[in-house]
N, C-alpha and C. Protein backbone atom coordinates (compact mmCIF):
# COMPACT_ATOMS: atom_id res chain seq x y z
N MET A 1 96.88 264.30 -9.03
CA MET A 1 95.68 263.63 -8.62
C MET A 1 95.73 263.41 -7.11
N SER A 2 94.58 263.56 -6.44
CA SER A 2 94.55 263.34 -5.00
C SER A 2 93.35 262.48 -4.63
N ASP A 3 93.46 261.83 -3.46
CA ASP A 3 92.36 261.00 -2.99
C ASP A 3 91.41 261.84 -2.16
N ASP A 4 90.43 261.20 -1.53
CA ASP A 4 89.42 261.91 -0.75
C ASP A 4 90.01 262.66 0.43
N ALA A 5 91.13 262.22 0.95
CA ALA A 5 91.75 262.88 2.12
C ALA A 5 92.60 264.07 1.69
N GLY A 6 92.69 264.33 0.39
CA GLY A 6 93.49 265.45 -0.08
C GLY A 6 94.96 265.13 -0.21
N ILE A 7 95.32 263.84 -0.17
CA ILE A 7 96.71 263.43 -0.30
C ILE A 7 96.96 263.06 -1.75
N THR A 8 98.02 263.60 -2.33
CA THR A 8 98.35 263.28 -3.71
C THR A 8 98.87 261.86 -3.81
N SER A 9 98.84 261.31 -5.01
CA SER A 9 99.33 259.95 -5.23
C SER A 9 100.79 259.83 -4.84
N ASP A 10 101.61 260.83 -5.20
CA ASP A 10 103.02 260.80 -4.83
C ASP A 10 103.20 260.78 -3.32
N GLU A 11 102.43 261.61 -2.61
CA GLU A 11 102.53 261.64 -1.15
C GLU A 11 102.11 260.31 -0.55
N ALA A 12 101.05 259.72 -1.09
CA ALA A 12 100.58 258.42 -0.59
C ALA A 12 101.62 257.34 -0.82
N LEU A 13 102.25 257.35 -2.01
CA LEU A 13 103.29 256.36 -2.30
C LEU A 13 104.48 256.52 -1.36
N LYS A 14 104.89 257.77 -1.11
CA LYS A 14 106.01 258.01 -0.19
C LYS A 14 105.67 257.55 1.21
N ALA A 15 104.46 257.82 1.66
CA ALA A 15 104.04 257.40 3.00
C ALA A 15 104.01 255.88 3.10
N GLU A 16 103.51 255.22 2.05
CA GLU A 16 103.46 253.76 2.05
C GLU A 16 104.87 253.18 2.05
N ALA A 17 105.75 253.74 1.24
CA ALA A 17 107.14 253.26 1.20
C ALA A 17 107.81 253.43 2.56
N LYS A 18 107.56 254.57 3.21
CA LYS A 18 108.15 254.80 4.53
C LYS A 18 107.64 253.79 5.54
N SER A 19 106.35 253.46 5.47
CA SER A 19 105.78 252.50 6.43
C SER A 19 106.31 251.09 6.20
N LEU A 20 106.77 250.78 4.99
CA LEU A 20 107.30 249.45 4.69
C LEU A 20 108.75 249.28 5.15
N LEU A 21 109.43 250.38 5.46
CA LEU A 21 110.81 250.28 5.92
C LEU A 21 110.87 249.60 7.27
N LEU A 22 111.85 248.75 7.44
CA LEU A 22 112.12 248.16 8.74
C LEU A 22 112.69 249.27 9.63
N THR A 23 112.08 249.49 10.78
CA THR A 23 112.50 250.57 11.66
C THR A 23 113.14 249.98 12.91
N SER A 24 114.27 250.56 13.29
CA SER A 24 114.95 250.08 14.48
C SER A 24 115.60 251.24 15.22
N ASP A 25 115.89 250.99 16.48
CA ASP A 25 116.68 251.92 17.28
C ASP A 25 118.07 251.31 17.39
N VAL A 26 119.07 252.12 17.20
CA VAL A 26 120.44 251.66 17.41
C VAL A 26 121.07 252.55 18.47
N ASP A 27 122.00 252.02 19.19
CA ASP A 27 122.70 252.80 20.20
C ASP A 27 123.80 253.59 19.50
N MET A 28 123.36 254.63 18.79
CA MET A 28 124.29 255.47 18.06
C MET A 28 123.94 256.91 18.35
N ARG A 29 124.98 257.73 18.52
CA ARG A 29 124.73 259.15 18.75
C ARG A 29 125.84 259.97 18.12
N ILE A 30 125.48 261.23 17.85
CA ILE A 30 126.45 262.21 17.39
C ILE A 30 126.57 263.22 18.52
N ALA A 31 127.76 263.32 19.09
CA ALA A 31 128.01 264.23 20.21
C ALA A 31 128.05 265.68 19.72
N ARG A 32 127.97 266.60 20.65
CA ARG A 32 127.98 268.02 20.32
C ARG A 32 129.24 268.42 19.54
N ASP A 33 130.35 267.74 19.81
CA ASP A 33 131.60 268.07 19.13
C ASP A 33 131.71 267.42 17.75
N GLY A 34 130.65 266.71 17.31
CA GLY A 34 130.63 266.12 15.98
C GLY A 34 131.13 264.69 15.92
N ARG A 35 131.59 264.15 17.03
CA ARG A 35 132.06 262.76 17.04
C ARG A 35 130.87 261.80 17.05
N TRP A 36 131.03 260.72 16.30
CA TRP A 36 130.00 259.68 16.22
C TRP A 36 130.36 258.55 17.17
N TYR A 37 129.34 258.01 17.85
CA TYR A 37 129.53 256.92 18.81
C TYR A 37 128.55 255.79 18.50
N HIS A 38 129.01 254.57 18.72
CA HIS A 38 128.15 253.39 18.62
C HIS A 38 128.36 252.55 19.88
N GLU A 39 127.27 252.26 20.57
CA GLU A 39 127.30 251.53 21.83
C GLU A 39 128.31 252.13 22.80
N GLY A 40 128.36 253.46 22.85
CA GLY A 40 129.22 254.18 23.78
C GLY A 40 130.66 254.34 23.36
N GLU A 41 131.06 253.70 22.28
CA GLU A 41 132.44 253.77 21.81
C GLU A 41 132.53 254.68 20.59
N PRO A 42 133.59 255.50 20.51
CA PRO A 42 133.72 256.37 19.33
C PRO A 42 133.94 255.55 18.06
N ILE A 43 133.37 256.03 16.98
CA ILE A 43 133.62 255.43 15.66
C ILE A 43 134.82 256.17 15.10
N ASN A 44 135.96 255.52 15.06
CA ASN A 44 137.20 256.17 14.67
C ASN A 44 137.52 256.04 13.19
N ARG A 45 136.76 255.23 12.47
CA ARG A 45 137.01 255.05 11.04
C ARG A 45 136.25 256.14 10.27
N MET A 46 136.97 257.17 9.83
CA MET A 46 136.34 258.30 9.15
C MET A 46 135.56 257.88 7.90
N PRO A 47 136.04 256.92 7.09
CA PRO A 47 135.22 256.51 5.94
C PRO A 47 133.85 255.97 6.36
N LEU A 48 133.77 255.29 7.50
CA LEU A 48 132.50 254.78 7.99
C LEU A 48 131.60 255.93 8.45
N VAL A 49 132.18 256.90 9.15
CA VAL A 49 131.41 258.08 9.58
C VAL A 49 130.88 258.82 8.36
N ARG A 50 131.71 259.00 7.33
CA ARG A 50 131.27 259.67 6.10
C ARG A 50 130.11 258.92 5.46
N LEU A 51 130.21 257.59 5.42
CA LEU A 51 129.14 256.78 4.84
C LEU A 51 127.84 256.98 5.62
N PHE A 52 127.91 256.88 6.94
CA PHE A 52 126.71 257.10 7.76
C PHE A 52 126.14 258.49 7.51
N SER A 53 127.01 259.48 7.39
CA SER A 53 126.52 260.86 7.22
C SER A 53 125.76 261.04 5.92
N THR A 54 126.05 260.21 4.91
CA THR A 54 125.35 260.35 3.63
C THR A 54 123.92 259.82 3.68
N VAL A 55 123.61 258.97 4.66
CA VAL A 55 122.25 258.43 4.78
C VAL A 55 121.51 259.03 5.97
N LEU A 56 122.07 260.07 6.56
CA LEU A 56 121.45 260.74 7.70
C LEU A 56 120.34 261.66 7.21
N LYS A 57 119.19 261.56 7.83
CA LYS A 57 118.03 262.40 7.51
C LYS A 57 117.42 262.90 8.82
N ARG A 58 116.67 263.98 8.71
CA ARG A 58 115.93 264.50 9.86
C ARG A 58 114.45 264.52 9.49
N GLY A 59 113.64 263.88 10.30
CA GLY A 59 112.20 263.84 10.05
C GLY A 59 111.55 265.16 10.37
N ASP A 60 110.32 265.33 9.90
CA ASP A 60 109.55 266.54 10.18
C ASP A 60 109.36 266.75 11.68
N ASP A 61 109.43 265.67 12.44
CA ASP A 61 109.27 265.73 13.89
C ASP A 61 110.58 266.03 14.62
N GLY A 62 111.67 266.25 13.87
CA GLY A 62 112.96 266.56 14.48
C GLY A 62 113.79 265.35 14.84
N ILE A 63 113.28 264.16 14.61
CA ILE A 63 114.03 262.94 14.92
C ILE A 63 115.01 262.65 13.79
N PHE A 64 116.22 262.22 14.17
CA PHE A 64 117.26 261.90 13.21
C PHE A 64 117.27 260.40 12.92
N TRP A 65 117.45 260.08 11.64
CA TRP A 65 117.42 258.70 11.17
C TRP A 65 118.58 258.43 10.22
N LEU A 66 119.09 257.21 10.27
CA LEU A 66 119.94 256.70 9.21
C LEU A 66 118.98 255.91 8.31
N VAL A 67 118.89 256.30 7.04
CA VAL A 67 117.88 255.72 6.15
C VAL A 67 118.55 255.07 4.95
N THR A 68 118.30 253.78 4.79
CA THR A 68 118.75 253.04 3.61
C THR A 68 117.50 252.64 2.83
N PRO A 69 117.64 252.06 1.65
CA PRO A 69 116.44 251.67 0.91
C PRO A 69 115.54 250.67 1.64
N VAL A 70 116.07 249.91 2.60
CA VAL A 70 115.24 248.89 3.25
C VAL A 70 115.07 249.08 4.75
N GLU A 71 115.83 249.97 5.35
CA GLU A 71 115.77 250.11 6.81
C GLU A 71 116.02 251.55 7.21
N ARG A 72 115.46 251.90 8.35
CA ARG A 72 115.79 253.19 8.95
C ARG A 72 116.00 252.96 10.44
N ALA A 73 117.01 253.65 10.97
CA ALA A 73 117.37 253.49 12.37
C ALA A 73 117.45 254.86 13.03
N LYS A 74 116.77 254.98 14.15
CA LYS A 74 116.77 256.24 14.89
C LYS A 74 118.09 256.40 15.62
N ILE A 75 118.66 257.62 15.56
CA ILE A 75 119.88 257.90 16.31
C ILE A 75 119.70 259.20 17.09
N VAL A 76 120.57 259.41 18.06
CA VAL A 76 120.52 260.61 18.90
C VAL A 76 121.55 261.61 18.39
N VAL A 77 121.14 262.85 18.26
CA VAL A 77 122.05 263.94 17.90
C VAL A 77 121.97 264.96 19.03
N GLU A 78 123.10 265.18 19.70
CA GLU A 78 123.10 266.05 20.88
C GLU A 78 122.85 267.51 20.55
N ASP A 79 123.36 267.99 19.43
CA ASP A 79 123.17 269.39 19.05
C ASP A 79 122.88 269.45 17.57
N ALA A 80 123.90 269.50 16.76
CA ALA A 80 123.76 269.48 15.30
C ALA A 80 124.55 268.28 14.79
N PRO A 81 124.12 267.69 13.69
CA PRO A 81 124.81 266.49 13.21
C PRO A 81 126.20 266.75 12.63
N PHE A 82 126.49 267.99 12.29
CA PHE A 82 127.80 268.32 11.74
C PHE A 82 128.42 269.46 12.53
N THR A 83 129.74 269.56 12.45
CA THR A 83 130.43 270.75 12.95
C THR A 83 131.18 271.36 11.77
N ILE A 84 131.23 272.67 11.76
CA ILE A 84 131.93 273.39 10.70
C ILE A 84 133.32 273.70 11.23
N VAL A 85 134.33 273.10 10.59
CA VAL A 85 135.69 273.13 11.13
C VAL A 85 136.64 274.06 10.39
N GLU A 86 136.22 274.53 9.21
CA GLU A 86 137.12 275.38 8.42
C GLU A 86 136.30 276.24 7.47
N MET A 87 136.85 277.39 7.13
CA MET A 87 136.23 278.23 6.11
C MET A 87 137.30 278.89 5.27
N THR A 88 136.92 279.20 4.05
CA THR A 88 137.78 279.98 3.16
C THR A 88 136.93 281.10 2.58
N ASN A 89 137.60 282.14 2.13
CA ASN A 89 136.87 283.20 1.44
C ASN A 89 137.70 283.70 0.27
N LYS A 90 136.99 284.10 -0.77
CA LYS A 90 137.61 284.68 -1.96
C LYS A 90 136.86 285.95 -2.28
N GLY A 91 137.59 286.99 -2.64
CA GLY A 91 136.98 288.25 -2.98
C GLY A 91 136.65 289.06 -1.74
N ARG A 92 135.99 290.19 -1.96
CA ARG A 92 135.62 291.10 -0.87
C ARG A 92 134.23 291.67 -1.12
N GLY A 93 133.61 292.12 -0.05
CA GLY A 93 132.32 292.80 -0.16
C GLY A 93 131.28 291.94 -0.84
N GLU A 94 130.46 292.56 -1.68
CA GLU A 94 129.37 291.85 -2.34
C GLU A 94 129.85 290.76 -3.28
N ASN A 95 131.11 290.82 -3.68
CA ASN A 95 131.67 289.80 -4.58
C ASN A 95 132.34 288.64 -3.83
N GLN A 96 132.27 288.68 -2.52
CA GLN A 96 132.93 287.65 -1.71
C GLN A 96 132.20 286.31 -1.82
N LYS A 97 132.98 285.24 -1.74
CA LYS A 97 132.43 283.88 -1.69
C LYS A 97 133.06 283.18 -0.50
N ILE A 98 132.22 282.73 0.43
CA ILE A 98 132.68 282.02 1.61
C ILE A 98 132.30 280.55 1.46
N SER A 99 133.26 279.68 1.74
CA SER A 99 133.03 278.23 1.70
C SER A 99 133.35 277.64 3.06
N PHE A 100 132.60 276.61 3.43
CA PHE A 100 132.80 275.92 4.71
C PHE A 100 133.16 274.46 4.46
N ARG A 101 133.95 273.90 5.40
CA ARG A 101 134.22 272.46 5.41
C ARG A 101 133.70 271.91 6.73
N ASN A 102 132.96 270.80 6.63
CA ASN A 102 132.43 270.20 7.86
C ASN A 102 133.32 269.05 8.33
N ASN A 103 132.94 268.46 9.44
CA ASN A 103 133.75 267.42 10.08
C ASN A 103 133.81 266.10 9.31
N VAL A 104 133.03 265.95 8.25
CA VAL A 104 133.15 264.77 7.39
C VAL A 104 133.78 265.14 6.05
N ASP A 105 134.46 266.29 6.04
CA ASP A 105 135.28 266.74 4.91
C ASP A 105 134.48 267.11 3.67
N THR A 106 133.27 267.61 3.87
CA THR A 106 132.44 268.09 2.76
C THR A 106 132.52 269.61 2.72
N TRP A 107 132.81 270.15 1.54
CA TRP A 107 132.85 271.61 1.33
C TRP A 107 131.54 272.07 0.71
N PHE A 108 131.07 273.25 1.10
CA PHE A 108 129.89 273.87 0.49
C PHE A 108 129.99 275.37 0.69
N ASP A 109 129.27 276.11 -0.16
CA ASP A 109 129.29 277.57 -0.11
C ASP A 109 128.21 278.12 0.80
N LEU A 110 128.50 279.24 1.43
CA LEU A 110 127.48 280.02 2.14
C LEU A 110 126.68 280.73 1.06
N ASP A 111 125.41 280.34 0.92
CA ASP A 111 124.56 280.92 -0.12
C ASP A 111 123.10 280.78 0.31
N LEU A 112 122.19 281.06 -0.61
CA LEU A 112 120.76 280.98 -0.28
C LEU A 112 120.34 279.59 0.19
N GLY A 113 120.95 278.56 -0.35
CA GLY A 113 120.61 277.19 0.03
C GLY A 113 121.28 276.73 1.30
N HIS A 114 122.23 277.52 1.79
CA HIS A 114 122.98 277.17 3.00
C HIS A 114 123.07 278.40 3.90
N PRO A 115 121.93 278.84 4.46
CA PRO A 115 121.93 280.05 5.28
C PRO A 115 122.49 279.82 6.69
N ILE A 116 122.91 280.92 7.29
CA ILE A 116 123.38 280.91 8.68
C ILE A 116 122.20 281.22 9.60
N ARG A 117 122.22 280.58 10.76
CA ARG A 117 121.23 280.85 11.81
C ARG A 117 122.01 281.03 13.11
N ILE A 118 121.69 282.09 13.84
CA ILE A 118 122.33 282.35 15.13
C ILE A 118 121.30 282.09 16.22
N GLU A 119 121.68 281.28 17.19
CA GLU A 119 120.79 280.95 18.30
C GLU A 119 121.45 281.38 19.61
N TYR A 120 120.63 281.89 20.50
CA TYR A 120 121.08 282.22 21.85
C TYR A 120 120.36 281.27 22.78
N LYS A 121 121.11 280.36 23.41
CA LYS A 121 120.51 279.31 24.23
C LYS A 121 119.75 279.88 25.43
N HIS A 122 120.23 280.99 25.97
CA HIS A 122 119.54 281.69 27.06
C HIS A 122 120.01 283.13 27.06
N GLU A 123 119.31 283.98 27.81
CA GLU A 123 119.62 285.41 27.85
C GLU A 123 121.07 285.62 28.27
N ASN A 124 121.74 286.55 27.64
CA ASN A 124 123.15 286.89 27.88
C ASN A 124 124.12 285.77 27.51
N ALA A 125 123.66 284.80 26.76
CA ALA A 125 124.52 283.69 26.34
C ALA A 125 125.31 284.10 25.10
N ALA A 126 126.43 283.44 24.91
CA ALA A 126 127.21 283.64 23.69
C ALA A 126 126.40 283.08 22.52
N PRO A 127 126.58 283.64 21.34
CA PRO A 127 125.84 283.13 20.19
C PRO A 127 126.28 281.72 19.82
N SER A 128 125.32 280.92 19.38
CA SER A 128 125.60 279.59 18.83
C SER A 128 125.24 279.64 17.35
N PRO A 129 126.26 279.75 16.49
CA PRO A 129 125.98 279.87 15.06
C PRO A 129 125.87 278.50 14.37
N TYR A 130 124.92 278.41 13.46
CA TYR A 130 124.68 277.19 12.69
C TYR A 130 124.55 277.56 11.22
N VAL A 131 124.83 276.61 10.35
CA VAL A 131 124.62 276.79 8.92
C VAL A 131 123.96 275.52 8.39
N LEU A 132 123.02 275.69 7.47
CA LEU A 132 122.35 274.54 6.87
C LEU A 132 123.32 273.84 5.92
N VAL A 133 123.61 272.58 6.20
CA VAL A 133 124.53 271.80 5.38
C VAL A 133 123.78 271.19 4.20
N ARG A 134 122.68 270.55 4.52
CA ARG A 134 121.76 270.05 3.48
C ARG A 134 120.40 269.89 4.13
N GLU A 135 119.40 269.56 3.35
CA GLU A 135 118.01 269.58 3.79
C GLU A 135 117.81 269.05 5.21
N GLY A 136 117.44 269.95 6.11
CA GLY A 136 117.13 269.59 7.49
C GLY A 136 118.32 269.32 8.39
N LEU A 137 119.52 269.38 7.87
CA LEU A 137 120.72 269.04 8.64
C LEU A 137 121.64 270.24 8.74
N GLU A 138 121.88 270.67 9.97
CA GLU A 138 122.72 271.83 10.21
C GLU A 138 124.10 271.42 10.72
N GLY A 139 125.01 272.37 10.60
CA GLY A 139 126.33 272.23 11.19
C GLY A 139 126.54 273.37 12.17
N ARG A 140 127.05 273.03 13.36
CA ARG A 140 127.39 274.06 14.34
C ARG A 140 128.75 274.62 13.96
N ILE A 141 128.80 275.93 13.79
CA ILE A 141 130.04 276.59 13.40
C ILE A 141 130.93 276.71 14.63
N LEU A 142 132.12 276.11 14.57
CA LEU A 142 133.05 276.18 15.69
C LEU A 142 133.42 277.63 15.97
N ARG A 143 133.72 277.91 17.21
CA ARG A 143 134.02 279.28 17.65
C ARG A 143 135.14 279.91 16.82
N SER A 144 136.20 279.15 16.53
CA SER A 144 137.32 279.71 15.76
C SER A 144 136.87 280.12 14.36
N VAL A 145 135.99 279.34 13.75
CA VAL A 145 135.47 279.67 12.41
C VAL A 145 134.53 280.87 12.50
N TYR A 146 133.73 280.91 13.56
CA TYR A 146 132.82 282.04 13.76
C TYR A 146 133.62 283.34 13.90
N TYR A 147 134.73 283.30 14.62
CA TYR A 147 135.57 284.50 14.76
C TYR A 147 136.14 284.92 13.41
N GLN A 148 136.47 283.97 12.55
CA GLN A 148 136.92 284.32 11.20
C GLN A 148 135.81 285.02 10.43
N LEU A 149 134.57 284.55 10.60
CA LEU A 149 133.43 285.21 9.95
C LEU A 149 133.29 286.64 10.45
N ILE A 150 133.39 286.82 11.77
CA ILE A 150 133.25 288.15 12.36
C ILE A 150 134.30 289.11 11.80
N GLU A 151 135.51 288.61 11.57
CA GLU A 151 136.57 289.45 11.00
C GLU A 151 136.21 289.94 9.60
N LEU A 152 135.37 289.22 8.88
CA LEU A 152 134.96 289.59 7.52
C LEU A 152 133.68 290.42 7.50
N ALA A 153 133.09 290.64 8.66
CA ALA A 153 131.75 291.23 8.74
C ALA A 153 131.70 292.69 8.29
N ASP A 154 130.56 293.05 7.73
CA ASP A 154 130.20 294.41 7.36
C ASP A 154 128.92 294.76 8.11
N VAL A 155 128.57 296.04 8.07
CA VAL A 155 127.32 296.50 8.67
C VAL A 155 126.39 296.97 7.56
N GLN A 156 125.17 296.47 7.57
CA GLN A 156 124.12 296.86 6.62
C GLN A 156 122.84 297.06 7.41
N ASN A 157 122.28 298.26 7.38
CA ASN A 157 121.00 298.53 8.06
C ASN A 157 121.00 298.08 9.53
N ASN A 158 122.03 298.46 10.26
CA ASN A 158 122.19 298.13 11.68
C ASN A 158 122.31 296.63 11.95
N GLU A 159 122.70 295.87 10.95
CA GLU A 159 122.93 294.44 11.15
C GLU A 159 124.35 294.09 10.74
N LEU A 160 124.97 293.26 11.55
CA LEU A 160 126.31 292.76 11.28
C LEU A 160 126.17 291.48 10.48
N GLY A 161 126.94 291.36 9.41
CA GLY A 161 126.84 290.16 8.59
C GLY A 161 127.98 290.06 7.62
N VAL A 162 127.94 289.02 6.82
CA VAL A 162 128.97 288.79 5.81
C VAL A 162 128.30 288.62 4.45
N TRP A 163 129.01 289.05 3.43
CA TRP A 163 128.56 288.84 2.06
C TRP A 163 129.10 287.50 1.57
N SER A 164 128.28 286.76 0.87
CA SER A 164 128.73 285.55 0.19
C SER A 164 127.76 285.24 -0.93
N ASN A 165 128.31 285.02 -2.10
CA ASN A 165 127.51 284.68 -3.27
C ASN A 165 126.39 285.69 -3.52
N GLY A 166 126.70 286.98 -3.35
CA GLY A 166 125.77 288.05 -3.66
C GLY A 166 124.68 288.29 -2.63
N LYS A 167 124.73 287.61 -1.49
CA LYS A 167 123.71 287.78 -0.45
C LYS A 167 124.39 288.18 0.86
N PHE A 168 123.72 289.07 1.59
CA PHE A 168 124.19 289.49 2.91
C PHE A 168 123.61 288.54 3.95
N HIS A 169 124.46 287.83 4.65
CA HIS A 169 124.05 286.85 5.67
C HIS A 169 124.22 287.48 7.04
N VAL A 170 123.11 287.67 7.74
CA VAL A 170 123.11 288.38 9.02
C VAL A 170 123.68 287.49 10.12
N LEU A 171 124.59 288.09 10.90
CA LEU A 171 125.17 287.42 12.06
C LEU A 171 124.60 287.97 13.36
N GLY A 172 124.05 289.18 13.31
CA GLY A 172 123.46 289.76 14.51
C GLY A 172 123.17 291.23 14.32
N SER A 173 122.45 291.79 15.27
CA SER A 173 122.10 293.21 15.25
C SER A 173 123.15 293.98 16.02
N ILE A 174 123.42 295.22 15.60
CA ILE A 174 124.39 296.04 16.34
C ILE A 174 123.69 296.98 17.30
N GLU A 175 122.39 296.90 17.42
CA GLU A 175 121.64 297.75 18.35
C GLU A 175 121.63 297.16 19.73
C-alpha cells in the first residue's frame, strides 16, 4: 500500500523511525589504516572497536553513522571503514574459495555478495582494491593481501582476476 506521494507504508514507517532517533556528532573517526579514534586518541580496546563496528552504517548520502535503537552519531571515515588484513584460499581454478579477514577479526568469503572493486585515485596511480564487507561498507585490501590475490590470478577474456565460489572476480584488464 502507498500514500499519495508514492511512498509505501513500510518506507514511511522507516523514515518516521529514523527521524525520531536522537542524532549527534561525535569526535570519532576511522583512519585510512583502519584504526578507530575518539577525541583524537586511539581506541585500543579491540572489543569496543568490534562493538562499534557492528552498529556502523553508511547512509545513501555516503555519510557514516553509528546507529543504535535510540541514537545515531555521525563519524568520519577517511577511506574505508575496514581493512582486509588476511586471506586464505582453498582449491584451485573455478573450484577455489577465497576468504578474507578484516581488522575487527571478521571472516567472510569472496563471492557475489562480497565483490571486489578496484579504484585508481588518479592516472598512473597504483590500484586501490576494496571488497564489500557488508551492505554499504567496504574494506580496503592491504597491499600484502592484494599481492597474494595477484599470485592466484588467472586470465579470462583479457581480464586478470581470481576465481572464488564459482565466480570470476576481475582485478584489472591486461590490455
